[in-house]
């Protein structure tokens, strides 16, 4: 008898209290579907912001810097690239003075 009363009570409650949508219902799937991930903008979609090759060559081929000693020439390059909005970090320095390599015994 208890089973019949329990089943009847469950049926009555299921009619009175609606259940949440099932896992395969359209409402449930719409609520669970994630939004597509935002992909980063392609660097090719925006205009080129760096100086052109002609501008860079003009800095290095400037006649008045050719006669200067190397350190002063590098400073002039740094100043001219700063005018173009670039950071110039002595690319003509020999790497052997900066990089220390350890010998590995074979």
C-alpha atoms as a PDB file:
ATOM      1  CA  UNK A   1       0.000   0.000   0.000  1.00  0.00           C
ATOM      2  CA  UNK A   2       2.873   2.347   0.792  1.00  0.00           C
ATOM      3  CA  UNK A   3       4.237   1.954  -2.731  1.00  0.00           C
ATOM      4  CA  UNK A   4       0.922   2.912  -4.306  1.00  0.00           C
ATOM      5  CA  UNK A   5       0.634   6.007  -2.114  1.00  0.00           C
ATOM      6  CA  UNK A   6       4.244   7.033  -2.923  1.00  0.00           C
ATOM      7  CA  UNK A   7       3.717   6.574  -6.677  1.00  0.00           C
ATOM      8  CA  UNK A   8       0.515   8.602  -6.595  1.00  0.00           C
ATOM      9  CA  UNK A   9       2.214  11.350  -4.618  1.00  0.00           C
ATOM     10  CA  UNK A  10       5.093  11.480  -7.124  1.00  0.00           C
ATOM     11  CA  UNK A  11       2.665  11.714 -10.052  1.00  0.00           C
ATOM     12  CA  UNK A  12       0.700  14.529  -8.427  1.00  0.00           C
ATOM     13  CA  UNK A  13       3.857  16.451  -7.565  1.00  0.00           C
ATOM     14  CA  UNK A  14       5.269  15.998 -11.078  1.00  0.00           C
ATOM     15  CA  UNK A  15       2.127  17.568 -12.502  1.00  0.00           C
ATOM     16  CA  UNK A  16       2.140  20.458 -10.039  1.00  0.00           C
ATOM     17  CA  UNK A  17       5.909  21.146 -10.064  1.00  0.00           C
ATOM     18  CA  UNK A  18       7.440  21.221 -13.551  1.00  0.00           C
ATOM     19  CA  UNK A  19      10.782  19.534 -13.902  1.00  0.00           C
ATOM     20  CA  UNK A  20      13.747  21.326 -15.429  1.00  0.00           C
ATOM     21  CA  UNK A  21      14.294  20.569 -19.099  1.00  0.00           C
ATOM     22  CA  UNK A  22      16.070  17.331 -19.844  1.00  0.00           C
ATOM     23  CA  UNK A  23      19.608  17.090 -21.165  1.00  0.00           C
ATOM     24  CA  UNK A  24      18.415  16.535 -24.726  1.00  0.00           C
ATOM     25  CA  UNK A  25      15.822  19.304 -24.844  1.00  0.00           C
ATOM     26  CA  UNK A  26      16.349  22.397 -26.972  1.00  0.00           C
ATOM     27  CA  UNK A  27      16.212  24.684 -23.933  1.00  0.00           C
ATOM     28  CA  UNK A  28      18.946  22.769 -22.126  1.00  0.00           C
ATOM     29  CA  UNK A  29      21.209  22.623 -25.189  1.00  0.00           C
ATOM     30  CA  UNK A  30      20.727  26.347 -25.881  1.00  0.00           C
ATOM     31  CA  UNK A  31      21.695  27.174 -22.304  1.00  0.00           C
ATOM     32  CA  UNK A  32      24.760  24.896 -22.392  1.00  0.00           C
ATOM     33  CA  UNK A  33      26.153  25.865 -25.792  1.00  0.00           C
ATOM     34  CA  UNK A  34      29.264  27.998 -25.188  1.00  0.00           C
ATOM     35  CA  UNK A  35      29.840  31.115 -27.209  1.00  0.00           C
ATOM     36  CA  UNK A  36      32.609  30.770 -29.763  1.00  0.00           C
ATOM     37  CA  UNK A  37      36.020  31.776 -28.474  1.00  0.00           C
ATOM     38  CA  UNK A  38      37.271  35.128 -29.644  1.00  0.00           C
ATOM     39  CA  UNK A  39      40.179  34.699 -31.997  1.00  0.00           C
ATOM     40  CA  UNK A  40      42.920  37.303 -31.829  1.00  0.00           C
ATOM     41  CA  UNK A  41      42.967  39.808 -34.630  1.00  0.00           C
ATOM     42  CA  UNK A  42      45.350  38.959 -37.419  1.00  0.00           C
ATOM     43  CA  UNK A  43      48.394  41.235 -37.578  1.00  0.00           C
ATOM     44  CA  UNK A  44      47.798  41.441 -41.324  1.00  0.00           C
ATOM     45  CA  UNK A  45      44.410  43.087 -40.810  1.00  0.00           C
ATOM     46  CA  UNK A  46      45.838  46.383 -39.532  1.00  0.00           C
ATOM     47  CA  UNK A  47      48.101  48.784 -41.415  1.00  0.00           C
ATOM     48  CA  UNK A  48      51.879  48.637 -41.249  1.00  0.00           C
ATOM     49  CA  UNK A  49      53.110  50.890 -38.445  1.00  0.00           C
ATOM     50  CA  UNK A  50      56.877  50.402 -38.640  1.00  0.00           C
ATOM     51  CA  UNK A  51      59.084  52.631 -40.777  1.00  0.00           C
ATOM     52  CA  UNK A  52      59.559  51.626 -44.381  1.00  0.00           C
ATOM     53  CA  UNK A  53      62.729  50.059 -45.721  1.00  0.00           C
ATOM     54  CA  UNK A  54      63.619  53.323 -47.463  1.00  0.00           C
ATOM     55  CA  UNK A  55      63.452  55.226 -44.165  1.00  0.00           C
ATOM     56  CA  UNK A  56      65.694  52.707 -42.413  1.00  0.00           C
ATOM     57  CA  UNK A  57      68.203  52.650 -45.283  1.00  0.00           C
ATOM     58  CA  UNK A  58      68.317  56.453 -45.229  1.00  0.00           C
ATOM     59  CA  UNK A  59      69.374  56.349 -41.579  1.00  0.00           C
ATOM     60  CA  UNK A  60      72.230  53.932 -42.245  1.00  0.00           C
ATOM     61  CA  UNK A  61      73.376  55.561 -45.506  1.00  0.00           C
ATOM     62  CA  UNK A  62      73.481  59.127 -44.189  1.00  0.00           C
ATOM     63  CA  UNK A  63      76.696  60.719 -45.487  1.00  0.00           C
ATOM     64  CA  UNK A  64      77.410  62.743 -42.351  1.00  0.00           C
ATOM     65  CA  UNK A  65      77.521  59.635 -40.130  1.00  0.00           C
ATOM     66  CA  UNK A  66      79.992  57.689 -42.280  1.00  0.00           C
ATOM     67  CA  UNK A  67      82.991  59.693 -41.065  1.00  0.00           C
ATOM     68  CA  UNK A  68      82.096  59.444 -37.353  1.00  0.00           C
ATOM     69  CA  UNK A  69      83.723  56.968 -34.969  1.00  0.00           C
ATOM     70  CA  UNK A  70      81.660  53.850 -34.323  1.00  0.00           C
ATOM     71  CA  UNK A  71      80.316  54.863 -30.912  1.00  0.00           C
ATOM     72  CA  UNK A  72      79.176  58.278 -32.112  1.00  0.00           C
ATOM     73  CA  UNK A  73      77.658  56.716 -35.225  1.00  0.00           C
ATOM     74  CA  UNK A  74      75.652  54.325 -33.040  1.00  0.00           C
ATOM     75  CA  UNK A  75      74.394  57.262 -30.976  1.00  0.00           C
ATOM     76  CA  UNK A  76      73.281  59.107 -34.109  1.00  0.00           C
ATOM     77  CA  UNK A  77      71.521  55.948 -35.306  1.00  0.00           C
ATOM     78  CA  UNK A  78      69.779  55.638 -31.929  1.00  0.00           C
ATOM     79  CA  UNK A  79      68.639  59.274 -32.062  1.00  0.00           C
ATOM     80  CA  UNK A  80      67.346  59.004 -35.629  1.00  0.00           C
ATOM     81  CA  UNK A  81      65.497  55.766 -34.908  1.00  0.00           C
ATOM     82  CA  UNK A  82      64.001  57.390 -31.788  1.00  0.00           C
ATOM     83  CA  UNK A  83      62.610  60.081 -34.091  1.00  0.00           C
ATOM     84  CA  UNK A  84      60.981  57.265 -36.093  1.00  0.00           C
ATOM     85  CA  UNK A  85      59.558  55.760 -32.870  1.00  0.00           C
ATOM     86  CA  UNK A  86      61.888  52.753 -32.686  1.00  0.00           C
ATOM     87  CA  UNK A  87      64.259  51.499 -30.022  1.00  0.00           C
ATOM     88  CA  UNK A  88      67.728  50.980 -31.474  1.00  0.00           C
ATOM     89  CA  UNK A  89      69.921  48.705 -29.377  1.00  0.00           C
ATOM     90  CA  UNK A  90      73.425  48.686 -30.939  1.00  0.00           C
ATOM     91  CA  UNK A  91      72.933  45.798 -33.416  1.00  0.00           C
ATOM     92  CA  UNK A  92      76.440  46.272 -34.837  1.00  0.00           C
ATOM     93  CA  UNK A  93      78.141  45.415 -31.527  1.00  0.00           C
ATOM     94  CA  UNK A  94      80.106  42.186 -31.781  1.00  0.00           C
ATOM     95  CA  UNK A  95      78.244  39.378 -30.045  1.00  0.00           C
ATOM     96  CA  UNK A  96      81.421  37.885 -28.603  1.00  0.00           C
ATOM     97  CA  UNK A  97      81.576  40.809 -26.158  1.00  0.00           C
ATOM     98  CA  UNK A  98      78.055  40.094 -24.936  1.00  0.00           C
ATOM     99  CA  UNK A  99      77.624  36.326 -25.177  1.00  0.00           C
ATOM    100  CA  UNK A 100      79.733  34.120 -22.940  1.00  0.00           C
ATOM    101  CA  UNK A 101      79.755  30.522 -24.056  1.00  0.00           C
ATOM    102  CA  UNK A 102      80.790  27.676 -21.821  1.00  0.00           C
ATOM    103  CA  UNK A 103      82.700  24.789 -23.295  1.00  0.00           C
ATOM    104  CA  UNK A 104      81.073  21.450 -22.727  1.00  0.00           C
ATOM    105  CA  UNK A 105      83.408  18.507 -22.385  1.00  0.00           C
ATOM    106  CA  UNK A 106      82.393  15.769 -24.763  1.00  0.00           C
END
